[in-house]
Amino acid sequence: YEDKVGRRVIRVADLADEATLELRIDRALLHHDPLRKG
């Protein structure tokens, strides 16, 4: 839910398009990887 309101979630429709899926994942990891490191 945090990712949803942070506009970095992957949605069901994103699974249907490779380019969109990769873009969404990259946006999410920009947030999650630094957080995970901490």
PDB file of all heavy atoms in Angstrom:
ATOM      1  N   TYR A   1       0.833  -1.210   0.000  1.00  0.00           N
ATOM      2  CA  TYR A   1       0.000   0.000   0.000  1.00  0.00           C
ATOM      3  C   TYR A   1       0.867   1.260   0.000  1.00  0.00           C
ATOM      4  O   TYR A   1       0.512   2.270  -0.608  1.00  0.00           O
ATOM      5  CB  TYR A   1      -0.944   0.013   1.206  1.00  0.00           C
ATOM      6  CG  TYR A   1      -2.233  -0.760   0.992  1.00  0.00           C
ATOM      7  CD1 TYR A   1      -2.530  -1.879   1.745  1.00  0.00           C
ATOM      8  CD2 TYR A   1      -3.159  -0.344   0.043  1.00  0.00           C
ATOM      9  CE1 TYR A   1      -3.706  -2.590   1.567  1.00  0.00           C
ATOM     10  CE2 TYR A   1      -4.349  -1.045  -0.150  1.00  0.00           C
ATOM     11  CZ  TYR A   1      -4.613  -2.161   0.615  1.00  0.00           C
ATOM     12  OH  TYR A   1      -5.791  -2.859   0.424  1.00  0.00           O
ATOM     13  N   GLU A   2       2.004   1.219   0.690  1.00  0.00           N
ATOM     14  CA  GLU A   2       2.928   2.356   0.663  1.00  0.00           C
ATOM     15  C   GLU A   2       3.404   2.630  -0.764  1.00  0.00           C
ATOM     16  O   GLU A   2       3.463   3.782  -1.214  1.00  0.00           O
ATOM     17  CB  GLU A   2       4.137   2.076   1.551  1.00  0.00           C
ATOM     18  CG  GLU A   2       3.865   2.067   3.043  1.00  0.00           C
ATOM     19  CD  GLU A   2       5.097   1.667   3.823  1.00  0.00           C
ATOM     20  OE1 GLU A   2       6.200   2.115   3.457  1.00  0.00           O
ATOM     21  OE2 GLU A   2       4.979   0.895   4.786  1.00  0.00           O
ATOM     22  N   ASP A   3       3.758   1.571  -1.478  1.00  0.00           N
ATOM     23  CA  ASP A   3       4.202   1.729  -2.862  1.00  0.00           C
ATOM     24  C   ASP A   3       3.078   2.243  -3.753  1.00  0.00           C
ATOM     25  O   ASP A   3       3.322   3.000  -4.707  1.00  0.00           O
ATOM     26  CB  ASP A   3       4.738   0.403  -3.406  1.00  0.00           C
ATOM     27  CG  ASP A   3       6.182   0.138  -2.975  1.00  0.00           C
ATOM     28  OD1 ASP A   3       6.760   0.972  -2.242  1.00  0.00           O
ATOM     29  OD2 ASP A   3       6.740  -0.911  -3.372  1.00  0.00           O
ATOM     30  N   LYS A   4       1.857   1.836  -3.455  1.00  0.00           N
ATOM     31  CA  LYS A   4       0.720   2.302  -4.240  1.00  0.00           C
ATOM     32  C   LYS A   4       0.600   3.824  -4.152  1.00  0.00           C
ATOM     33  O   LYS A   4       0.510   4.502  -5.187  1.00  0.00           O
ATOM     34  CB  LYS A   4      -0.569   1.631  -3.752  1.00  0.00           C
ATOM     35  CG  LYS A   4      -1.834   2.120  -4.456  1.00  0.00           C
ATOM     36  CD  LYS A   4      -3.065   1.432  -3.908  1.00  0.00           C
ATOM     37  CE  LYS A   4      -4.343   1.949  -4.563  1.00  0.00           C
ATOM     38  NZ  LYS A   4      -5.558   1.238  -4.069  1.00  0.00           N
ATOM     39  N   VAL A   5       0.592   4.357  -2.943  1.00  0.00           N
ATOM     40  CA  VAL A   5       0.456   5.807  -2.798  1.00  0.00           C
ATOM     41  C   VAL A   5       1.752   6.520  -3.168  1.00  0.00           C
ATOM     42  O   VAL A   5       1.738   7.710  -3.503  1.00  0.00           O
ATOM     43  CB  VAL A   5       0.003   6.211  -1.379  1.00  0.00           C
ATOM     44  CG1 VAL A   5      -1.366   5.635  -1.079  1.00  0.00           C
ATOM     45  CG2 VAL A   5       1.001   5.794  -0.312  1.00  0.00           C
ATOM     46  N   GLY A   6       2.894   5.795  -3.155  1.00  0.00           N
ATOM     47  CA  GLY A   6       4.156   6.367  -3.587  1.00  0.00           C
ATOM     48  C   GLY A   6       4.369   6.289  -5.090  1.00  0.00           C
ATOM     49  O   GLY A   6       5.423   6.680  -5.604  1.00  0.00           O
ATOM     50  N   ARG A   7       3.388   5.739  -5.802  1.00  0.00           N
ATOM     51  CA  ARG A   7       3.377   5.641  -7.264  1.00  0.00           C
ATOM     52  C   ARG A   7       4.540   4.825  -7.825  1.00  0.00           C
ATOM     53  O   ARG A   7       5.119   5.171  -8.857  1.00  0.00           O
ATOM     54  CB  ARG A   7       3.338   7.044  -7.892  1.00  0.00           C
ATOM     55  CG  ARG A   7       2.040   7.796  -7.594  1.00  0.00           C
ATOM     56  CD  ARG A   7       2.136   9.255  -7.887  1.00  0.00           C
ATOM     57  NE  ARG A   7       3.036   9.930  -6.943  1.00  0.00           N
ATOM     58  CZ  ARG A   7       3.235  11.236  -6.898  1.00  0.00           C
ATOM     59  NH1 ARG A   7       2.601  12.031  -7.725  1.00  0.00           N
ATOM     60  NH2 ARG A   7       4.079  11.763  -6.024  1.00  0.00           N
ATOM     61  N   ARG A   8       4.846   3.754  -7.126  1.00  0.00           N
ATOM     62  CA  ARG A   8       5.909   2.871  -7.592  1.00  0.00           C
ATOM     63  C   ARG A   8       5.498   1.401  -7.519  1.00  0.00           C
ATOM     64  O   ARG A   8       6.360   0.527  -7.560  1.00  0.00           O
ATOM     65  CB  ARG A   8       7.183   3.112  -6.775  1.00  0.00           C
ATOM     66  CG  ARG A   8       7.008   2.971  -5.293  1.00  0.00           C
ATOM     67  CD  ARG A   8       8.275   3.210  -4.503  1.00  0.00           C
ATOM     68  NE  ARG A   8       7.946   3.205  -3.081  1.00  0.00           N
ATOM     69  CZ  ARG A   8       7.697   4.306  -2.365  1.00  0.00           C
ATOM     70  NH1 ARG A   8       7.761   5.485  -2.935  1.00  0.00           N
ATOM     71  NH2 ARG A   8       7.380   4.206  -1.083  1.00  0.00           N
ATOM     72  N   VAL A   9       4.209   1.127  -7.461  1.00  0.00           N
ATOM     73  CA  VAL A   9       3.736  -0.249  -7.369  1.00  0.00           C
ATOM     74  C   VAL A   9       3.627  -0.860  -8.767  1.00  0.00           C
ATOM     75  O   VAL A   9       3.489  -0.134  -9.775  1.00  0.00           O
ATOM     76  CB  VAL A   9       2.379  -0.298  -6.629  1.00  0.00           C
ATOM     77  CG1 VAL A   9       1.211   0.003  -7.576  1.00  0.00           C
ATOM     78  CG2 VAL A   9       2.155  -1.656  -5.980  1.00  0.00           C
ATOM     79  N   ILE A  10       3.703  -2.173  -8.832  1.00  0.00           N
ATOM     80  CA  ILE A  10       3.439  -2.900 -10.076  1.00  0.00           C
ATOM     81  C   ILE A  10       1.989  -3.368 -10.020  1.00  0.00           C
ATOM     82  O   ILE A  10       1.560  -3.947  -9.019  1.00  0.00           O
ATOM     83  CB  ILE A  10       4.407  -4.098 -10.252  1.00  0.00           C
ATOM     84  CG1 ILE A  10       5.816  -3.596 -10.608  1.00  0.00           C
ATOM     85  CG2 ILE A  10       3.923  -5.012 -11.396  1.00  0.00           C
ATOM     86  CD1 ILE A  10       6.626  -3.132  -9.442  1.00  0.00           C
ATOM     87  N   ARG A  11       1.225  -3.107 -11.070  1.00  0.00           N
ATOM     88  CA  ARG A  11      -0.186  -3.478 -11.103  1.00  0.00           C
ATOM     89  C   ARG A  11      -0.395  -4.656 -12.051  1.00  0.00           C
ATOM     90  O   ARG A  11       0.472  -4.979 -12.871  1.00  0.00           O
ATOM     91  CB  ARG A  11      -1.047  -2.281 -11.494  1.00  0.00           C
ATOM     92  CG  ARG A  11      -0.817  -1.065 -10.580  1.00  0.00           C
ATOM     93  CD  ARG A  11      -1.908  -0.031 -10.654  1.00  0.00           C
ATOM     94  NE  ARG A  11      -2.040   0.594 -11.937  1.00  0.00           N
ATOM     95  CZ  ARG A  11      -2.943   1.561 -12.208  1.00  0.00           C
ATOM     96  NH1 ARG A  11      -3.757   1.999 -11.258  1.00  0.00           N
ATOM     97  NH2 ARG A  11      -3.014   2.083 -13.398  1.00  0.00           N
ATOM     98  N   VAL A  12      -1.545  -5.280 -11.945  1.00  0.00           N
ATOM     99  CA  VAL A  12      -1.835  -6.475 -12.745  1.00  0.00           C
ATOM    100  C   VAL A  12      -1.623  -6.212 -14.228  1.00  0.00           C
ATOM    101  O   VAL A  12      -1.002  -7.009 -14.940  1.00  0.00           O
ATOM    102  CB  VAL A  12      -3.270  -6.976 -12.473  1.00  0.00           C
ATOM    103  CG1 VAL A  12      -3.670  -8.067 -13.472  1.00  0.00           C
ATOM    104  CG2 VAL A  12      -3.399  -7.500 -11.042  1.00  0.00           C
ATOM    105  N   ALA A  13      -2.118  -5.082 -14.729  1.00  0.00           N
ATOM    106  CA  ALA A  13      -2.019  -4.776 -16.155  1.00  0.00           C
ATOM    107  C   ALA A  13      -0.571  -4.672 -16.625  1.00  0.00           C
ATOM    108  O   ALA A  13      -0.270  -4.926 -17.803  1.00  0.00           O
ATOM    109  CB  ALA A  13      -2.765  -3.480 -16.476  1.00  0.00           C
ATOM    110  N   ASP A  14       0.337  -4.306 -15.720  1.00  0.00           N
ATOM    111  CA  ASP A  14       1.746  -4.155 -16.095  1.00  0.00           C
ATOM    112  C   ASP A  14       2.376  -5.481 -16.513  1.00  0.00           C
ATOM    113  O   ASP A  14       3.382  -5.491 -17.230  1.00  0.00           O
ATOM    114  CB  ASP A  14       2.549  -3.559 -14.933  1.00  0.00           C
ATOM    115  CG  ASP A  14       2.058  -2.175 -14.537  1.00  0.00           C
ATOM    116  OD1 ASP A  14       1.493  -1.473 -15.399  1.00  0.00           O
ATOM    117  OD2 ASP A  14       2.234  -1.795 -13.351  1.00  0.00           O
ATOM    118  N   LEU A  15       1.812  -6.586 -16.072  1.00  0.00           N
ATOM    119  CA  LEU A  15       2.354  -7.899 -16.407  1.00  0.00           C
ATOM    120  C   LEU A  15       2.246  -8.212 -17.895  1.00  0.00           C
ATOM    121  O   LEU A  15       2.952  -9.078 -18.405  1.00  0.00           O
ATOM    122  CB  LEU A  15       1.634  -8.999 -15.613  1.00  0.00           C
ATOM    123  CG  LEU A  15       1.781  -8.963 -14.082  1.00  0.00           C
ATOM    124  CD1 LEU A  15       0.880 -10.026 -13.447  1.00  0.00           C
ATOM    125  CD2 LEU A  15       3.228  -9.178 -13.668  1.00  0.00           C
ATOM    126  N   ALA A  16       1.374  -7.500 -18.583  1.00  0.00           N
ATOM    127  CA  ALA A  16       1.113  -7.796 -19.996  1.00  0.00           C
ATOM    128  C   ALA A  16       2.095  -7.133 -20.947  1.00  0.00           C
ATOM    129  O   ALA A  16       2.104  -7.440 -22.145  1.00  0.00           O
ATOM    130  CB  ALA A  16      -0.318  -7.392 -20.357  1.00  0.00           C
ATOM    131  N   ASP A  17       2.927  -6.217 -20.436  1.00  0.00           N
ATOM    132  CA  ASP A  17       3.844  -5.486 -21.314  1.00  0.00           C
ATOM    133  C   ASP A  17       5.243  -5.482 -20.712  1.00  0.00           C
ATOM    134  O   ASP A  17       5.455  -4.945 -19.610  1.00  0.00           O
ATOM    135  CB  ASP A  17       3.361  -4.051 -21.523  1.00  0.00           C
ATOM    136  CG  ASP A  17       4.275  -3.264 -22.453  1.00  0.00           C
ATOM    137  OD1 ASP A  17       4.281  -3.549 -23.668  1.00  0.00           O
ATOM    138  OD2 ASP A  17       5.012  -2.382 -21.958  1.00  0.00           O
ATOM    139  N   GLU A  18       6.196  -6.062 -21.415  1.00  0.00           N
ATOM    140  CA  GLU A  18       7.557  -6.215 -20.916  1.00  0.00           C
ATOM    141  C   GLU A  18       8.213  -4.873 -20.597  1.00  0.00           C
ATOM    142  O   GLU A  18       8.827  -4.709 -19.545  1.00  0.00           O
ATOM    143  CB  GLU A  18       8.408  -6.980 -21.932  1.00  0.00           C
ATOM    144  CG  GLU A  18       9.850  -7.211 -21.507  1.00  0.00           C
ATOM    145  CD  GLU A  18       9.997  -8.274 -20.427  1.00  0.00           C
ATOM    146  OE1 GLU A  18       9.040  -9.079 -20.255  1.00  0.00           O
ATOM    147  OE2 GLU A  18      11.041  -8.304 -19.753  1.00  0.00           O
ATOM    148  N   ALA A  19       8.093  -3.898 -21.497  1.00  0.00           N
ATOM    149  CA  ALA A  19       8.749  -2.601 -21.302  1.00  0.00           C
ATOM    150  C   ALA A  19       8.198  -1.884 -20.075  1.00  0.00           C
ATOM    151  O   ALA A  19       8.947  -1.320 -19.275  1.00  0.00           O
ATOM    152  CB  ALA A  19       8.587  -1.733 -22.551  1.00  0.00           C
ATOM    153  N   THR A  20       6.869  -1.902 -19.937  1.00  0.00           N
ATOM    154  CA  THR A  20       6.240  -1.263 -18.779  1.00  0.00           C
ATOM    155  C   THR A  20       6.660  -1.958 -17.492  1.00  0.00           C
ATOM    156  O   THR A  20       6.959  -1.305 -16.487  1.00  0.00           O
ATOM    157  CB  THR A  20       4.712  -1.292 -18.918  1.00  0.00           C
ATOM    158  OG1 THR A  20       4.329  -0.616 -20.112  1.00  0.00           O
ATOM    159  CG2 THR A  20       4.047  -0.627 -17.722  1.00  0.00           C
ATOM    160  N   LEU A  21       6.690  -3.268 -17.523  1.00  0.00           N
ATOM    161  CA  LEU A  21       7.048  -4.036 -16.332  1.00  0.00           C
ATOM    162  C   LEU A  21       8.460  -3.690 -15.865  1.00  0.00           C
ATOM    163  O   LEU A  21       8.689  -3.441 -14.669  1.00  0.00           O
ATOM    164  CB  LEU A  21       6.927  -5.530 -16.613  1.00  0.00           C
ATOM    165  CG  LEU A  21       7.225  -6.479 -15.436  1.00  0.00           C
ATOM    166  CD1 LEU A  21       6.264  -6.217 -14.281  1.00  0.00           C
ATOM    167  CD2 LEU A  21       7.140  -7.934 -15.882  1.00  0.00           C
ATOM    168  N   GLU A  22       9.409  -3.647 -16.790  1.00  0.00           N
ATOM    169  CA  GLU A  22      10.783  -3.333 -16.419  1.00  0.00           C
ATOM    170  C   GLU A  22      10.895  -1.909 -15.876  1.00  0.00           C
ATOM    171  O   GLU A  22      11.628  -1.663 -14.914  1.00  0.00           O
ATOM    172  CB  GLU A  22      11.711  -3.523 -17.625  1.00  0.00           C
ATOM    173  CG  GLU A  22      11.874  -4.983 -18.039  1.00  0.00           C
ATOM    174  CD  GLU A  22      13.060  -5.207 -18.966  1.00  0.00           C
ATOM    175  OE1 GLU A  22      14.003  -4.390 -18.910  1.00  0.00           O
ATOM    176  OE2 GLU A  22      13.044  -6.184 -19.736  1.00  0.00           O
ATOM    177  N   LEU A  23      10.183  -0.974 -16.510  1.00  0.00           N
ATOM    178  CA  LEU A  23      10.189   0.410 -16.041  1.00  0.00           C
ATOM    179  C   LEU A  23       9.646   0.514 -14.615  1.00  0.00           C
ATOM    180  O   LEU A  23      10.222   1.207 -13.768  1.00  0.00           O
ATOM    181  CB  LEU A  23       9.370   1.282 -16.993  1.00  0.00           C
ATOM    182  CG  LEU A  23       9.312   2.787 -16.665  1.00  0.00           C
ATOM    183  CD1 LEU A  23      10.701   3.408 -16.818  1.00  0.00           C
ATOM    184  CD2 LEU A  23       8.295   3.486 -17.579  1.00  0.00           C
ATOM    185  N   ARG A  24       8.543  -0.185 -14.355  1.00  0.00           N
ATOM    186  CA  ARG A  24       7.943  -0.161 -13.021  1.00  0.00           C
ATOM    187  C   ARG A  24       8.877  -0.778 -11.976  1.00  0.00           C
ATOM    188  O   ARG A  24       9.005  -0.269 -10.859  1.00  0.00           O
ATOM    189  CB  ARG A  24       6.610  -0.907 -13.029  1.00  0.00           C
ATOM    190  CG  ARG A  24       5.536  -0.291 -13.920  1.00  0.00           C
ATOM    191  CD  ARG A  24       4.881   0.913 -13.272  1.00  0.00           C
ATOM    192  NE  ARG A  24       3.698   1.298 -14.018  1.00  0.00           N
ATOM    193  CZ  ARG A  24       3.690   2.173 -15.014  1.00  0.00           C
ATOM    194  NH1 ARG A  24       4.823   2.747 -15.398  1.00  0.00           N
ATOM    195  NH2 ARG A  24       2.562   2.466 -15.645  1.00  0.00           N
ATOM    196  N   ILE A  25       9.505  -1.882 -12.317  1.00  0.00           N
ATOM    197  CA  ILE A  25      10.438  -2.536 -11.398  1.00  0.00           C
ATOM    198  C   ILE A  25      11.612  -1.611 -11.082  1.00  0.00           C
ATOM    199  O   ILE A  25      12.006  -1.458  -9.910  1.00  0.00           O
ATOM    200  CB  ILE A  25      10.943  -3.872 -11.977  1.00  0.00           C
ATOM    201  CG1 ILE A  25       9.826  -4.921 -11.941  1.00  0.00           C
ATOM    202  CG2 ILE A  25      12.170  -4.376 -11.211  1.00  0.00           C
ATOM    203  CD1 ILE A  25       9.422  -5.364 -10.550  1.00  0.00           C
ATOM    204  N   ASP A  26      12.170  -0.977 -12.100  1.00  0.00           N
ATOM    205  CA  ASP A  26      13.310  -0.092 -11.881  1.00  0.00           C
ATOM    206  C   ASP A  26      12.934   1.082 -10.979  1.00  0.00           C
ATOM    207  O   ASP A  26      13.717   1.491 -10.112  1.00  0.00           O
ATOM    208  CB  ASP A  26      13.854   0.415 -13.217  1.00  0.00           C
ATOM    209  CG  ASP A  26      14.576  -0.675 -14.001  1.00  0.00           C
ATOM    210  OD1 ASP A  26      14.968  -1.695 -13.394  1.00  0.00           O
ATOM    211  OD2 ASP A  26      14.731  -0.522 -15.236  1.00  0.00           O
ATOM    212  N   ARG A  27      11.751   1.623 -11.181  1.00  0.00           N
ATOM    213  CA  ARG A  27      11.296   2.721 -10.325  1.00  0.00           C
ATOM    214  C   ARG A  27      11.155   2.250  -8.874  1.00  0.00           C
ATOM    215  O   ARG A  27      11.552   2.944  -7.941  1.00  0.00           O
ATOM    216  CB  ARG A  27       9.967   3.274 -10.841  1.00  0.00           C
ATOM    217  CG  ARG A  27       9.412   4.416  -9.995  1.00  0.00           C
ATOM    218  CD  ARG A  27       8.142   4.997 -10.595  1.00  0.00           C
ATOM    219  NE  ARG A  27       7.546   5.997  -9.725  1.00  0.00           N
ATOM    220  CZ  ARG A  27       7.913   7.250  -9.636  1.00  0.00           C
ATOM    221  NH1 ARG A  27       8.893   7.691 -10.410  1.00  0.00           N
ATOM    222  NH2 ARG A  27       7.320   8.094  -8.807  1.00  0.00           N
ATOM    223  N   ALA A  28      10.602   1.054  -8.691  1.00  0.00           N
ATOM    224  CA  ALA A  28      10.415   0.517  -7.346  1.00  0.00           C
ATOM    225  C   ALA A  28      11.742   0.259  -6.645  1.00  0.00           C
ATOM    226  O   ALA A  28      11.908   0.548  -5.457  1.00  0.00           O
ATOM    227  CB  ALA A  28       9.586  -0.765  -7.400  1.00  0.00           C
ATOM    228  N   LEU A  29      12.711  -0.272  -7.391  1.00  0.00           N
ATOM    229  CA  LEU A  29      13.988  -0.626  -6.772  1.00  0.00           C
ATOM    230  C   LEU A  29      14.814   0.601  -6.400  1.00  0.00           C
ATOM    231  O   LEU A  29      15.647   0.537  -5.490  1.00  0.00           O
ATOM    232  CB  LEU A  29      14.786  -1.551  -7.691  1.00  0.00           C
ATOM    233  CG  LEU A  29      14.143  -2.927  -7.955  1.00  0.00           C
ATOM    234  CD1 LEU A  29      15.114  -3.856  -8.676  1.00  0.00           C
ATOM    235  CD2 LEU A  29      13.642  -3.567  -6.672  1.00  0.00           C
ATOM    236  N   LEU A  30      14.595   1.722  -7.080  1.00  0.00           N
ATOM    237  CA  LEU A  30      15.252   2.960  -6.680  1.00  0.00           C
ATOM    238  C   LEU A  30      14.886   3.334  -5.242  1.00  0.00           C
ATOM    239  O   LEU A  30      15.656   3.976  -4.533  1.00  0.00           O
ATOM    240  CB  LEU A  30      14.867   4.105  -7.622  1.00  0.00           C
ATOM    241  CG  LEU A  30      15.576   4.154  -8.976  1.00  0.00           C
ATOM    242  CD1 LEU A  30      14.972   5.262  -9.844  1.00  0.00           C
ATOM    243  CD2 LEU A  30      17.079   4.401  -8.792  1.00  0.00           C
ATOM    244  N   HIS A  31      13.708   2.940  -4.837  1.00  0.00           N
ATOM    245  CA  HIS A  31      13.261   3.180  -3.468  1.00  0.00           C
ATOM    246  C   HIS A  31      13.673   2.049  -2.528  1.00  0.00           C
ATOM    247  O   HIS A  31      14.187   2.286  -1.429  1.00  0.00           O
ATOM    248  CB  HIS A  31      11.732   3.332  -3.450  1.00  0.00           C
ATOM    249  CG  HIS A  31      11.145   3.377  -2.069  1.00  0.00           C
ATOM    250  ND1 HIS A  31      11.117   4.509  -1.302  1.00  0.00           N
ATOM    251  CD2 HIS A  31      10.576   2.392  -1.313  1.00  0.00           C
ATOM    252  CE1 HIS A  31      10.548   4.250  -0.142  1.00  0.00           C
ATOM    253  NE2 HIS A  31      10.212   2.968  -0.115  1.00  0.00           N
ATOM    254  N   HIS A  32      13.460   0.814  -2.965  1.00  0.00           N
ATOM    255  CA  HIS A  32      13.605  -0.320  -2.056  1.00  0.00           C
ATOM    256  C   HIS A  32      15.054  -0.713  -1.760  1.00  0.00           C
ATOM    257  O   HIS A  32      15.371  -1.086  -0.624  1.00  0.00           O
ATOM    258  CB  HIS A  32      12.834  -1.520  -2.603  1.00  0.00           C
ATOM    259  CG  HIS A  32      11.375  -1.457  -2.310  1.00  0.00           C
ATOM    260  ND1 HIS A  32      10.832  -1.917  -1.132  1.00  0.00           N
ATOM    261  CD2 HIS A  32      10.342  -0.957  -3.025  1.00  0.00           C
ATOM    262  CE1 HIS A  32       9.523  -1.706  -1.132  1.00  0.00           C
ATOM    263  NE2 HIS A  32       9.200  -1.133  -2.279  1.00  0.00           N
ATOM    264  N   ASP A  33      15.935  -0.628  -2.734  1.00  0.00           N
ATOM    265  CA  ASP A  33      17.305  -1.066  -2.484  1.00  0.00           C
ATOM    266  C   ASP A  33      18.004  -0.229  -1.408  1.00  0.00           C
ATOM    267  O   ASP A  33      18.640  -0.793  -0.505  1.00  0.00           O
ATOM    268  CB  ASP A  33      18.110  -1.102  -3.784  1.00  0.00           C
ATOM    269  CG  ASP A  33      17.863  -2.390  -4.580  1.00  0.00           C
ATOM    270  OD1 ASP A  33      17.367  -3.380  -3.977  1.00  0.00           O
ATOM    271  OD2 ASP A  33      18.151  -2.417  -5.789  1.00  0.00           O
ATOM    272  N   PRO A  34      17.941   1.115  -1.443  1.00  0.00           N
ATOM    273  CA  PRO A  34      18.527   1.883  -0.335  1.00  0.00           C
ATOM    274  C   PRO A  34      17.866   1.575   1.014  1.00  0.00           C
ATOM    275  O   PRO A  34      18.544   1.529   2.043  1.00  0.00           O
ATOM    276  CB  PRO A  34      18.287   3.340  -0.743  1.00  0.00           C
ATOM    277  CG  PRO A  34      18.114   3.302  -2.227  1.00  0.00           C
ATOM    278  CD  PRO A  34      17.445   2.002  -2.517  1.00  0.00           C
ATOM    279  N   LEU A  35      16.550   1.369   0.989  1.00  0.00           N
ATOM    280  CA  LEU A  35      15.837   1.041   2.214  1.00  0.00           C
ATOM    281  C   LEU A  35      16.301  -0.307   2.763  1.00  0.00           C
ATOM    282  O   LEU A  35      16.523  -0.455   3.972  1.00  0.00           O
ATOM    283  CB  LEU A  35      14.332   1.016   1.930  1.00  0.00           C
ATOM    284  CG  LEU A  35      13.381   0.886   3.111  1.00  0.00           C
ATOM    285  CD1 LEU A  35      13.587   2.014   4.105  1.00  0.00           C
ATOM    286  CD2 LEU A  35      11.918   0.899   2.616  1.00  0.00           C
ATOM    287  N   ARG A  36      16.462  -1.274   1.892  1.00  0.00           N
ATOM    288  CA  ARG A  36      16.915  -2.603   2.296  1.00  0.00           C
ATOM    289  C   ARG A  36      18.331  -2.541   2.875  1.00  0.00           C
ATOM    290  O   ARG A  36      18.643  -3.225   3.852  1.00  0.00           O
ATOM    291  CB  ARG A  36      16.866  -3.551   1.101  1.00  0.00           C
ATOM    292  CG  ARG A  36      15.454  -3.888   0.647  1.00  0.00           C
ATOM    293  CD  ARG A  36      15.466  -4.646  -0.697  1.00  0.00           C
ATOM    294  NE  ARG A  36      16.077  -5.961  -0.588  1.00  0.00           N
ATOM    295  CZ  ARG A  36      15.424  -7.074  -0.279  1.00  0.00           C
ATOM    296  NH1 ARG A  36      14.120  -7.028  -0.025  1.00  0.00           N
ATOM    297  NH2 ARG A  36      16.047  -8.240  -0.213  1.00  0.00           N
ATOM    298  N   LYS A  37      19.170  -1.725   2.274  1.00  0.00           N
ATOM    299  CA  LYS A  37      20.540  -1.582   2.773  1.00  0.00           C
ATOM    300  C   LYS A  37      20.534  -1.085   4.210  1.00  0.00           C
ATOM    301  O   LYS A  37      21.297  -1.580   5.054  1.00  0.00           O
ATOM    302  CB  LYS A  37      21.325  -0.624   1.877  1.00  0.00           C
ATOM    303  CG  LYS A  37      22.796  -0.510   2.253  1.00  0.00           C
ATOM    304  CD  LYS A  37      23.543   0.395   1.289  1.00  0.00           C
ATOM    305  CE  LYS A  37      25.028   0.491   1.661  1.00  0.00           C
ATOM    306  NZ  LYS A  37      25.777   1.373   0.716  1.00  0.00           N
ATOM    307  N   GLY A  38      19.672  -0.124   4.506  1.00  0.00           N
ATOM    308  CA  GLY A  38      19.572   0.407   5.863  1.00  0.00           C
ATOM    309  C   GLY A  38      19.084  -0.618   6.872  1.00  0.00           C
ATOM    310  O   GLY A  38      19.377  -0.508   8.068  1.00  0.00           O
TER     311      GLY A  38
END
